[in-house]
C-alpha atoms as a PDB file:
ATOM      1  CA  UNK A   1     -30.816   7.446   2.936  1.00  0.00           C
ATOM      2  CA  UNK A   2     -29.019   7.833  -0.403  1.00  0.00           C
ATOM      3  CA  UNK A   3     -26.326   5.454  -1.535  1.00  0.00           C
ATOM      4  CA  UNK A   4     -22.745   6.415  -0.925  1.00  0.00           C
ATOM      5  CA  UNK A   5     -21.180   8.263  -3.818  1.00  0.00           C
ATOM      6  CA  UNK A   6     -18.780   6.167  -5.936  1.00  0.00           C
ATOM      7  CA  UNK A   7     -15.881   8.498  -5.176  1.00  0.00           C
ATOM      8  CA  UNK A   8     -16.320   8.286  -1.420  1.00  0.00           C
ATOM      9  CA  UNK A   9     -14.295   5.328  -0.121  1.00  0.00           C
ATOM     10  CA  UNK A  10     -13.195   6.512   3.298  1.00  0.00           C
ATOM     11  CA  UNK A  11     -13.450   3.041   4.775  1.00  0.00           C
ATOM     12  CA  UNK A  12     -11.538   1.447   1.960  1.00  0.00           C
ATOM     13  CA  UNK A  13      -8.549   3.648   2.660  1.00  0.00           C
ATOM     14  CA  UNK A  14      -8.096   1.597   5.824  1.00  0.00           C
ATOM     15  CA  UNK A  15      -8.188  -1.613   3.802  1.00  0.00           C
ATOM     16  CA  UNK A  16      -5.502  -0.746   1.312  1.00  0.00           C
ATOM     17  CA  UNK A  17      -3.255   1.298   3.572  1.00  0.00           C
ATOM     18  CA  UNK A  18       0.292   1.054   2.127  1.00  0.00           C
ATOM     19  CA  UNK A  19      -0.932  -0.968  -0.836  1.00  0.00           C
ATOM     20  CA  UNK A  20      -1.714   1.694  -3.291  1.00  0.00           C
ATOM     21  CA  UNK A  21       0.073   2.229  -6.561  1.00  0.00           C
ATOM     22  CA  UNK A  22       1.642   5.556  -7.517  1.00  0.00           C
ATOM     23  CA  UNK A  23      -0.963   7.855  -8.965  1.00  0.00           C
ATOM     24  CA  UNK A  24      -0.330   9.992 -12.037  1.00  0.00           C
ATOM     25  CA  UNK A  25      -0.875  13.675 -11.388  1.00  0.00           C
ATOM     26  CA  UNK A  26      -1.914  16.176 -14.010  1.00  0.00           C
ATOM     27  CA  UNK A  27      -1.475  19.871 -13.410  1.00  0.00           C
ATOM     28  CA  UNK A  28      -2.318  22.943 -15.388  1.00  0.00           C
ATOM     29  CA  UNK A  29      -1.713  26.660 -14.958  1.00  0.00           C
ATOM     30  CA  UNK A  30      -4.660  28.405 -13.387  1.00  0.00           C
ATOM     31  CA  UNK A  31      -3.322  31.916 -13.871  1.00  0.00           C
ATOM     32  CA  UNK A  32      -1.985  34.523 -11.472  1.00  0.00           C
ATOM     33  CA  UNK A  33      -4.077  35.841  -8.619  1.00  0.00           C
ATOM     34  CA  UNK A  34      -2.942  38.902  -6.670  1.00  0.00           C
ATOM     35  CA  UNK A  35       0.528  40.317  -6.383  1.00  0.00           C
ATOM     36  CA  UNK A  36       3.538  38.066  -6.820  1.00  0.00           C
ATOM     37  CA  UNK A  37       6.916  38.330  -5.098  1.00  0.00           C
ATOM     38  CA  UNK A  38      10.311  36.712  -5.688  1.00  0.00           C
ATOM     39  CA  UNK A  39      11.002  33.707  -3.450  1.00  0.00           C
ATOM     40  CA  UNK A  40      14.208  35.199  -2.070  1.00  0.00           C
ATOM     41  CA  UNK A  41      16.425  38.218  -2.536  1.00  0.00           C
ATOM     42  CA  UNK A  42      19.326  37.690  -4.975  1.00  0.00           C
ATOM     43  CA  UNK A  43      21.858  38.160  -2.138  1.00  0.00           C
ATOM     44  CA  UNK A  44      20.181  35.406  -0.119  1.00  0.00           C
ATOM     45  CA  UNK A  45      20.245  33.023  -3.080  1.00  0.00           C
ATOM     46  CA  UNK A  46      23.925  33.732  -3.654  1.00  0.00           C
ATOM     47  CA  UNK A  47      24.644  32.983   0.010  1.00  0.00           C
ATOM     48  CA  UNK A  48      22.790  29.672  -0.255  1.00  0.00           C
ATOM     49  CA  UNK A  49      24.747  28.754  -3.361  1.00  0.00           C
ATOM     50  CA  UNK A  50      28.072  29.598  -1.697  1.00  0.00           C
ATOM     51  CA  UNK A  51      27.238  27.518   1.364  1.00  0.00           C
ATOM     52  CA  UNK A  52      26.132  24.630  -0.833  1.00  0.00           C
ATOM     53  CA  UNK A  53      29.550  24.662  -2.491  1.00  0.00           C
ATOM     54  CA  UNK A  54      31.188  24.201   0.905  1.00  0.00           C
ATOM     55  CA  UNK A  55      29.294  20.970   1.628  1.00  0.00           C
ATOM     56  CA  UNK A  56      31.023  17.681   0.884  1.00  0.00           C
ATOM     57  CA  UNK A  57      28.081  16.084  -0.923  1.00  0.00           C
ATOM     58  CA  UNK A  58      29.957  12.825  -1.432  1.00  0.00           C
ATOM     59  CA  UNK A  59      29.856  12.292   2.334  1.00  0.00           C
ATOM     60  CA  UNK A  60      26.299  13.524   2.763  1.00  0.00           C
ATOM     61  CA  UNK A  61      24.950  11.463  -0.132  1.00  0.00           C
ATOM     62  CA  UNK A  62      27.156   8.424   0.261  1.00  0.00           C
ATOM     63  CA  UNK A  63      25.994   6.004  -2.416  1.00  0.00           C
ATOM     64  CA  UNK A  64      26.999   2.880  -0.522  1.00  0.00           C
ATOM     65  CA  UNK A  65      25.263   3.992   2.672  1.00  0.00           C
ATOM     66  CA  UNK A  66      22.143   5.048   0.799  1.00  0.00           C
ATOM     67  CA  UNK A  67      21.898   1.742  -1.087  1.00  0.00           C
ATOM     68  CA  UNK A  68      22.407  -0.217   2.130  1.00  0.00           C
ATOM     69  CA  UNK A  69      19.614   1.745   3.812  1.00  0.00           C
ATOM     70  CA  UNK A  70      17.211   1.216   0.916  1.00  0.00           C
ATOM     71  CA  UNK A  71      17.981  -2.477   0.489  1.00  0.00           C
ATOM     72  CA  UNK A  72      17.719  -3.152   4.215  1.00  0.00           C
ATOM     73  CA  UNK A  73      14.443  -1.307   4.706  1.00  0.00           C
ATOM     74  CA  UNK A  74      11.905  -3.115   6.835  1.00  0.00           C
ATOM     75  CA  UNK A  75       8.923  -1.409   8.496  1.00  0.00           C
ATOM     76  CA  UNK A  76       8.280  -1.763  12.205  1.00  0.00           C
ATOM     77  CA  UNK A  77       5.452  -3.900  13.503  1.00  0.00           C
ATOM     78  CA  UNK A  78       5.546  -6.711  10.963  1.00  0.00           C
ATOM     79  CA  UNK A  79       3.451  -9.680  12.016  1.00  0.00           C
ATOM     80  CA  UNK A  80       4.970 -13.083  11.306  1.00  0.00           C
ATOM     81  CA  UNK A  81       2.289 -15.682  10.621  1.00  0.00           C
ATOM     82  CA  UNK A  82       2.363 -19.514  10.682  1.00  0.00           C
ATOM     83  CA  UNK A  83       2.225 -21.782   7.650  1.00  0.00           C
ATOM     84  CA  UNK A  84      -1.218 -22.940   6.552  1.00  0.00           C
ATOM     85  CA  UNK A  85      -1.855 -26.500   7.743  1.00  0.00           C
ATOM     86  CA  UNK A  86      -4.569 -27.209   5.179  1.00  0.00           C
ATOM     87  CA  UNK A  87      -6.111 -25.708   2.086  1.00  0.00           C
ATOM     88  CA  UNK A  88      -8.952 -23.443   3.090  1.00  0.00           C
ATOM     89  CA  UNK A  89     -11.233 -20.821   1.596  1.00  0.00           C
ATOM     90  CA  UNK A  90     -13.368 -18.204   3.283  1.00  0.00           C
ATOM     91  CA  UNK A  91     -15.244 -15.018   2.470  1.00  0.00           C
ATOM     92  CA  UNK A  92     -14.546 -11.603   4.007  1.00  0.00           C
ATOM     93  CA  UNK A  93     -17.313  -9.013   4.094  1.00  0.00           C
ATOM     94  CA  UNK A  94     -15.719  -5.614   3.476  1.00  0.00           C
ATOM     95  CA  UNK A  95     -18.644  -3.590   4.801  1.00  0.00           C
ATOM     96  CA  UNK A  96     -17.357  -0.609   6.756  1.00  0.00           C
ATOM     97  CA  UNK A  97     -19.198   1.419   9.395  1.00  0.00           C
ATOM     98  CA  UNK A  98     -18.300   5.063   9.854  1.00  0.00           C
ATOM     99  CA  UNK A  99     -17.049   5.953  13.319  1.00  0.00           C
ATOM    100  CA  UNK A 100     -17.535   9.683  12.767  1.00  0.00           C
ATOM    101  CA  UNK A 101     -19.765  12.053  10.855  1.00  0.00           C
ATOM    102  CA  UNK A 102     -18.634  13.000   7.356  1.00  0.00           C
ATOM    103  CA  UNK A 103     -19.420  16.705   6.718  1.00  0.00           C
ATOM    104  CA  UNK A 104     -20.721  17.887   3.365  1.00  0.00           C
ATOM    105  CA  UNK A 105     -18.651  21.056   3.405  1.00  0.00           C
ATOM    106  CA  UNK A 106     -21.716  23.247   3.775  1.00  0.00           C
ATOM    107  CA  UNK A 107     -22.291  22.916   7.493  1.00  0.00           C
ATOM    108  CA  UNK A 108     -24.337  19.747   7.226  1.00  0.00           C
ATOM    109  CA  UNK A 109     -23.680  16.005   7.418  1.00  0.00           C
ATOM    110  CA  UNK A 110     -23.102  13.998   4.256  1.00  0.00           C
ATOM    111  CA  UNK A 111     -22.875  10.596   5.955  1.00  0.00           C
ATOM    112  CA  UNK A 112     -23.586  10.206   9.691  1.00  0.00           C
ATOM    113  CA  UNK A 113     -21.610   8.155  12.175  1.00  0.00           C
ATOM    114  CA  UNK A 114     -22.879   4.587  12.101  1.00  0.00           C
ATOM    115  CA  UNK A 115     -23.551   4.633   8.352  1.00  0.00           C
ATOM    116  CA  UNK A 116     -22.442   1.332   6.771  1.00  0.00           C
ATOM    117  CA  UNK A 117     -21.345   0.717   3.215  1.00  0.00           C
ATOM    118  CA  UNK A 118     -19.370  -1.792   1.186  1.00  0.00           C
ATOM    119  CA  UNK A 119     -16.718  -0.145  -1.053  1.00  0.00           C
ATOM    120  CA  UNK A 120     -16.617  -3.248  -3.265  1.00  0.00           C
ATOM    121  CA  UNK A 121     -20.127  -2.392  -4.427  1.00  0.00           C
ATOM    122  CA  UNK A 122     -18.644   0.653  -6.137  1.00  0.00           C
ATOM    123  CA  UNK A 123     -15.228  -0.421  -7.382  1.00  0.00           C
ATOM    124  CA  UNK A 124     -13.227  -3.314  -8.768  1.00  0.00           C
ATOM    125  CA  UNK A 125      -9.811  -4.178  -7.375  1.00  0.00           C
ATOM    126  CA  UNK A 126      -7.447  -4.943 -10.229  1.00  0.00           C
ATOM    127  CA  UNK A 127      -4.933  -6.899  -8.154  1.00  0.00           C
ATOM    128  CA  UNK A 128      -4.683 -10.387  -6.741  1.00  0.00           C
ATOM    129  CA  UNK A 129      -3.006 -10.119  -3.331  1.00  0.00           C
ATOM    130  CA  UNK A 130      -0.548 -12.873  -2.417  1.00  0.00           C
ATOM    131  CA  UNK A 131       0.759 -12.976   1.162  1.00  0.00           C
ATOM    132  CA  UNK A 132       3.961 -14.879   1.922  1.00  0.00           C
ATOM    133  CA  UNK A 133       6.838 -14.926   4.414  1.00  0.00           C
ATOM    134  CA  UNK A 134      10.126 -14.100   2.680  1.00  0.00           C
ATOM    135  CA  UNK A 135      11.999 -15.860   5.499  1.00  0.00           C
ATOM    136  CA  UNK A 136      10.427 -19.170   4.472  1.00  0.00           C
ATOM    137  CA  UNK A 137      12.273 -20.551   1.394  1.00  0.00           C
ATOM    138  CA  UNK A 138       9.472 -23.007   0.660  1.00  0.00           C
ATOM    139  CA  UNK A 139       6.896 -20.229   0.463  1.00  0.00           C
ATOM    140  CA  UNK A 140       9.159 -18.309  -1.885  1.00  0.00           C
ATOM    141  CA  UNK A 141       9.641 -21.388  -4.072  1.00  0.00           C
ATOM    142  CA  UNK A 142       5.892 -22.042  -4.044  1.00  0.00           C
ATOM    143  CA  UNK A 143       5.262 -18.544  -5.329  1.00  0.00           C
ATOM    144  CA  UNK A 144       7.964 -18.788  -8.013  1.00  0.00           C
ATOM    145  CA  UNK A 145       6.436 -22.010  -9.356  1.00  0.00           C
ATOM    146  CA  UNK A 146       2.846 -20.723  -9.200  1.00  0.00           C
ATOM    147  CA  UNK A 147       0.890 -18.991 -11.956  1.00  0.00           C
ATOM    148  CA  UNK A 148       0.881 -15.836  -9.834  1.00  0.00           C
ATOM    149  CA  UNK A 149       4.595 -15.333 -10.481  1.00  0.00           C
ATOM    150  CA  UNK A 150       3.938 -14.472 -14.116  1.00  0.00           C
ATOM    151  CA  UNK A 151       0.685 -12.592 -13.563  1.00  0.00           C
ATOM    152  CA  UNK A 152       1.312  -8.820 -13.757  1.00  0.00           C
ATOM    153  CA  UNK A 153      -1.829  -8.190 -11.708  1.00  0.00           C
ATOM    154  CA  UNK A 154      -0.424 -10.070  -8.723  1.00  0.00           C
ATOM    155  CA  UNK A 155       0.752  -7.957  -5.799  1.00  0.00           C
ATOM    156  CA  UNK A 156       3.236  -9.645  -3.441  1.00  0.00           C
ATOM    157  CA  UNK A 157       2.839  -8.752   0.229  1.00  0.00           C
ATOM    158  CA  UNK A 158       5.412  -9.845   2.797  1.00  0.00           C
ATOM    159  CA  UNK A 159       4.592 -10.426   6.442  1.00  0.00           C
ATOM    160  CA  UNK A 160       8.236 -10.965   7.313  1.00  0.00           C
ATOM    161  CA  UNK A 161      11.677 -11.092   5.736  1.00  0.00           C
ATOM    162  CA  UNK A 162      13.662  -8.797   3.483  1.00  0.00           C
ATOM    163  CA  UNK A 163      12.067  -7.472   0.350  1.00  0.00           C
ATOM    164  CA  UNK A 164      15.164  -6.670  -1.711  1.00  0.00           C
ATOM    165  CA  UNK A 165      16.507 -10.220  -2.280  1.00  0.00           C
ATOM    166  CA  UNK A 166      13.032 -11.283  -3.379  1.00  0.00           C
ATOM    167  CA  UNK A 167      12.743  -8.241  -5.610  1.00  0.00           C
ATOM    168  CA  UNK A 168      15.999  -9.263  -7.309  1.00  0.00           C
ATOM    169  CA  UNK A 169      14.918 -12.886  -7.690  1.00  0.00           C
ATOM    170  CA  UNK A 170      11.533 -12.079  -9.160  1.00  0.00           C
ATOM    171  CA  UNK A 171      12.413  -8.826 -10.916  1.00  0.00           C
ATOM    172  CA  UNK A 172       9.154  -7.270  -9.786  1.00  0.00           C
ATOM    173  CA  UNK A 173       7.821  -5.009  -7.058  1.00  0.00           C
ATOM    174  CA  UNK A 174       7.469  -6.428  -3.541  1.00  0.00           C
ATOM    175  CA  UNK A 175       5.479  -4.783  -0.742  1.00  0.00           C
ATOM    176  CA  UNK A 176       5.046  -5.229   3.006  1.00  0.00           C
ATOM    177  CA  UNK A 177       1.735  -6.088   4.651  1.00  0.00           C
ATOM    178  CA  UNK A 178       1.022  -4.196   7.848  1.00  0.00           C
ATOM    179  CA  UNK A 179      -1.236  -5.341  10.656  1.00  0.00           C
ATOM    180  CA  UNK A 180      -4.222  -3.333   9.403  1.00  0.00           C
ATOM    181  CA  UNK A 181      -4.415  -5.089   6.048  1.00  0.00           C
ATOM    182  CA  UNK A 182      -3.847  -8.488   7.664  1.00  0.00           C
ATOM    183  CA  UNK A 183      -6.611  -7.874  10.186  1.00  0.00           C
ATOM    184  CA  UNK A 184      -9.030  -6.411   7.639  1.00  0.00           C
ATOM    185  CA  UNK A 185      -8.617  -9.405   5.314  1.00  0.00           C
ATOM    186  CA  UNK A 186      -8.415 -11.908   8.190  1.00  0.00           C
ATOM    187  CA  UNK A 187      -5.057 -13.261   7.012  1.00  0.00           C
ATOM    188  CA  UNK A 188      -3.935 -15.754   9.673  1.00  0.00           C
ATOM    189  CA  UNK A 189      -1.830 -18.337   7.806  1.00  0.00           C
ATOM    190  CA  UNK A 190       0.510 -18.365   4.822  1.00  0.00           C
ATOM    191  CA  UNK A 191       0.612 -18.483   1.906  1.00  0.00           C
ATOM    192  CA  UNK A 192      -2.727 -16.723   1.436  1.00  0.00           C
ATOM    193  CA  UNK A 193      -4.338 -15.303  -1.650  1.00  0.00           C
ATOM    194  CA  UNK A 194      -7.002 -12.589  -1.536  1.00  0.00           C
ATOM    195  CA  UNK A 195      -9.053 -11.642  -4.570  1.00  0.00           C
ATOM    196  CA  UNK A 196     -12.277  -9.741  -5.092  1.00  0.00           C
ATOM    197  CA  UNK A 197     -15.357 -11.815  -5.850  1.00  0.00           C
ATOM    198  CA  UNK A 198     -18.169  -9.396  -6.648  1.00  0.00           C
ATOM    199  CA  UNK A 199     -18.948  -7.558  -3.387  1.00  0.00           C
ATOM    200  CA  UNK A 200     -16.714  -9.649  -1.096  1.00  0.00           C
ATOM    201  CA  UNK A 201     -13.070 -10.629  -0.796  1.00  0.00           C
ATOM    202  CA  UNK A 202     -12.316 -14.314  -1.198  1.00  0.00           C
ATOM    203  CA  UNK A 203      -9.293 -15.593   0.725  1.00  0.00           C
ATOM    204  CA  UNK A 204      -7.516 -18.879  -0.017  1.00  0.00           C
ATOM    205  CA  UNK A 205      -5.013 -20.450   2.372  1.00  0.00           C
ATOM    206  CA  UNK A 206      -2.566 -22.784   0.672  1.00  0.00           C
ATOM    207  CA  UNK A 207      -0.950 -25.729   2.436  1.00  0.00           C
ATOM    208  CA  UNK A 208       2.496 -26.380   0.980  1.00  0.00           C
ATOM    209  CA  UNK A 209       3.405 -30.052   0.785  1.00  0.00           C
END
């Protein structure tokens, strides 16, 4: 059986769910195919414009309410984890086994159910993942005093707590870790650091004095 193509990382999508960075998109005009029609009749557009003028947009787009909603955002299903009791290190094998057939688009099967592959054999993760609990001041202080705080490649992942105060303190992006990423990387205690080491992920648990 042939090796999995470098651009096929179906299993890895499960690993980095919610962790991705924004992707730049590049578009170009491909030309016009077939007949084209206006999106709406002029009368309909005028009616939409008139109705839009009647809306009190200050109430609909209340700045204070919007900011409060954004700053207080917290996803459902966060999993609060205990503090690490000792320094530990372990290896996580990222090999993934397909649970369904992957079609080739021509009526055949590209990769059959049961096929196993390791996405880390085909790619390099640029980030160091640091997991902490924002509700624990000592974990926050540990991170701020660590070398990770000044490393632009570090990605902060919260298992609990509010992201916005930490974002303001650190002046950098803060993300939430859902149960899938915690389970996939076997994160069970905090703080934890996950970094790629060749074809495996290496996880370090840090015991804070």
